Amino acid sequence: MVEYANRDFYENKFYGEIIPEKAFPGMILKASIFVKFLTFARVDDMTEIPEEVSLATCAVADVMYQDRMRKDDAGREIASENNDGYSVSFVTSQSKTIGTVEHRCQKAAYPYLAHTGLLYRGVRAL
């Protein structure tokens, strides 16, 4: 699997600051797989990865990392936390979140990929 962005691109072109260096390889791999899915693997046919694809991959990686940080060790999403008397509230229904992580990833990638033709679901005539 080709990763569509690297750490240098993330920091110096996307100006990302959220994902720590240790977690970056796993997040960028998962984000690349997601972008590959969104673009119907059309990027793999290209000789060079377009900058828009790398930017979309970084945006998706940020969303995925933030989603991972919002969950506790059991995978439950934390709605609020208080450390005075140690109190944690968990999200109990999907309506309280801003959508699924897949939906948030699609929303993050869309501005970068919208005008590339990579999201086109139809068949192109040869």
Protein backbone atom coordinates (compact mmCIF):
# COMPACT_ATOMS: atom_id res chain seq x y z
CA MET A 1 0.00 0.00 0.00
CA VAL A 2 1.34 3.38 -1.00
CA GLU A 3 0.98 6.08 1.62
CA TYR A 4 -0.29 9.26 0.01
CA ALA A 5 1.58 11.62 2.37
CA ASN A 6 4.63 11.55 4.61
CA ARG A 7 5.57 13.32 7.84
CA ASP A 8 7.45 16.08 6.03
CA PHE A 9 4.41 16.86 3.86
CA TYR A 10 2.13 16.75 6.91
CA GLU A 11 4.20 19.28 8.83
CA ASN A 12 5.45 21.59 6.06
CA LYS A 13 2.69 21.65 3.43
CA PHE A 14 -0.45 20.69 5.36
CA TYR A 15 0.86 22.43 8.51
CA GLY A 16 -0.44 19.62 10.68
CA GLU A 17 0.28 19.69 14.40
CA ILE A 18 -2.19 17.21 15.88
CA ILE A 19 -0.67 13.77 15.25
CA PRO A 20 2.45 12.94 17.29
CA GLU A 21 5.39 11.41 15.45
CA LYS A 22 4.94 7.99 17.06
CA ALA A 23 1.30 7.66 15.96
CA PHE A 24 1.83 9.14 12.50
CA PRO A 25 2.72 5.99 10.48
CA GLY A 26 -0.42 4.14 11.55
CA MET A 27 -2.73 7.12 11.06
CA ILE A 28 -1.39 8.03 7.61
CA LEU A 29 -1.67 4.41 6.46
CA LYS A 30 -5.31 4.20 7.58
CA ALA A 31 -6.04 7.59 6.02
CA SER A 32 -4.40 6.54 2.74
CA ILE A 33 -6.56 3.42 2.64
CA PHE A 34 -9.65 5.56 3.23
CA VAL A 35 -8.71 8.04 0.48
CA LYS A 36 -7.99 5.13 -1.85
CA PHE A 37 -11.52 3.89 -1.14
CA LEU A 38 -13.03 7.36 -1.76
CA THR A 39 -11.19 7.79 -5.06
CA PHE A 40 -11.94 4.26 -6.31
CA ALA A 41 -8.16 3.53 -6.35
CA ARG A 42 -7.69 5.90 -9.29
CA VAL A 43 -4.64 7.45 -7.61
CA ASP A 44 -2.77 4.15 -7.91
CA ASP A 45 -2.96 4.47 -11.70
CA MET A 46 -1.20 7.84 -11.63
CA THR A 47 2.56 8.26 -11.97
CA GLU A 48 2.64 10.92 -9.26
CA ILE A 49 0.37 11.51 -6.28
CA PRO A 50 -1.46 14.84 -6.72
CA GLU A 51 -1.02 17.39 -3.94
CA GLU A 52 -4.79 17.44 -3.39
CA VAL A 53 -4.72 13.73 -2.56
CA SER A 54 -1.90 14.22 -0.06
CA LEU A 55 -3.76 17.13 1.56
CA ALA A 56 -6.96 15.07 1.77
CA THR A 57 -5.02 12.20 3.32
CA CYS A 58 -3.57 14.48 6.00
CA ALA A 59 -7.02 15.90 6.78
CA VAL A 60 -8.47 12.40 7.12
CA ALA A 61 -5.55 11.33 9.33
CA ASP A 62 -6.24 14.27 11.66
CA VAL A 63 -9.92 13.28 11.94
CA MET A 64 -9.03 9.65 12.62
CA TYR A 65 -6.49 10.61 15.27
CA GLN A 66 -8.91 12.98 16.99
CA ASP A 67 -11.56 10.25 16.97
CA ARG A 68 -9.13 7.83 18.59
CA MET A 69 -8.26 10.37 21.29
CA ARG A 70 -11.95 10.92 22.15
CA LYS A 71 -12.38 7.31 23.22
CA ASP A 72 -11.48 5.58 26.44
CA ASP A 73 -9.65 2.26 26.75
CA ALA A 74 -12.90 0.32 26.17
CA GLY A 75 -13.62 2.19 22.92
CA ARG A 76 -16.48 4.28 24.33
CA GLU A 77 -16.65 7.88 23.13
CA ILE A 78 -16.19 10.40 25.92
CA ALA A 79 -18.76 13.23 25.90
CA SER A 80 -17.32 15.15 28.88
CA GLU A 81 -14.78 14.71 31.62
CA ASN A 82 -14.18 16.42 34.97
CA ASN A 83 -11.10 15.84 37.09
CA ASP A 84 -12.31 17.60 40.29
CA GLY A 85 -14.22 14.61 41.60
CA TYR A 86 -13.29 12.42 38.63
CA SER A 87 -16.41 12.21 36.54
CA VAL A 88 -16.66 10.93 32.98
CA SER A 89 -19.74 10.98 30.74
CA PHE A 90 -19.97 8.87 27.61
CA VAL A 91 -21.91 9.43 24.41
CA THR A 92 -24.98 7.20 24.56
CA SER A 93 -26.46 7.73 21.10
CA GLN A 94 -25.17 8.51 17.63
CA SER A 95 -27.27 11.68 17.47
CA LYS A 96 -25.10 13.34 20.11
CA THR A 97 -22.01 13.08 17.94
CA ILE A 98 -21.31 14.99 14.75
CA GLY A 99 -21.81 11.83 12.68
CA THR A 100 -19.78 8.71 12.28
CA VAL A 101 -16.03 8.86 11.91
CA GLU A 102 -16.46 7.77 8.28
CA HIS A 103 -18.77 10.71 7.63
CA ARG A 104 -16.34 13.15 9.31
CA CYS A 105 -13.47 11.72 7.23
CA GLN A 106 -15.46 12.16 4.01
CA LYS A 107 -16.26 15.76 4.99
CA ALA A 108 -12.57 16.41 5.70
CA ALA A 109 -11.40 15.01 2.36
CA TYR A 110 -14.11 16.52 0.17
CA PRO A 111 -12.77 20.11 -0.12
CA TYR A 112 -9.44 18.81 -1.42
CA LEU A 113 -10.84 16.21 -3.81
CA ALA A 114 -14.03 17.89 -5.04
CA HIS A 115 -12.59 19.37 -8.24
CA THR A 116 -10.11 16.63 -9.13
CA GLY A 117 -12.54 14.22 -10.78
CA LEU A 118 -11.35 11.49 -8.43
CA LEU A 119 -14.70 11.30 -6.63
CA TYR A 120 -16.65 10.69 -9.85
CA ARG A 121 -18.76 7.55 -9.43
CA GLY A 122 -19.63 7.02 -13.07
CA VAL A 123 -17.79 5.24 -15.86
CA ARG A 124 -15.57 7.26 -18.13
CA ALA A 125 -15.81 6.71 -21.85
CA LEU A 126 -12.52 5.89 -23.55
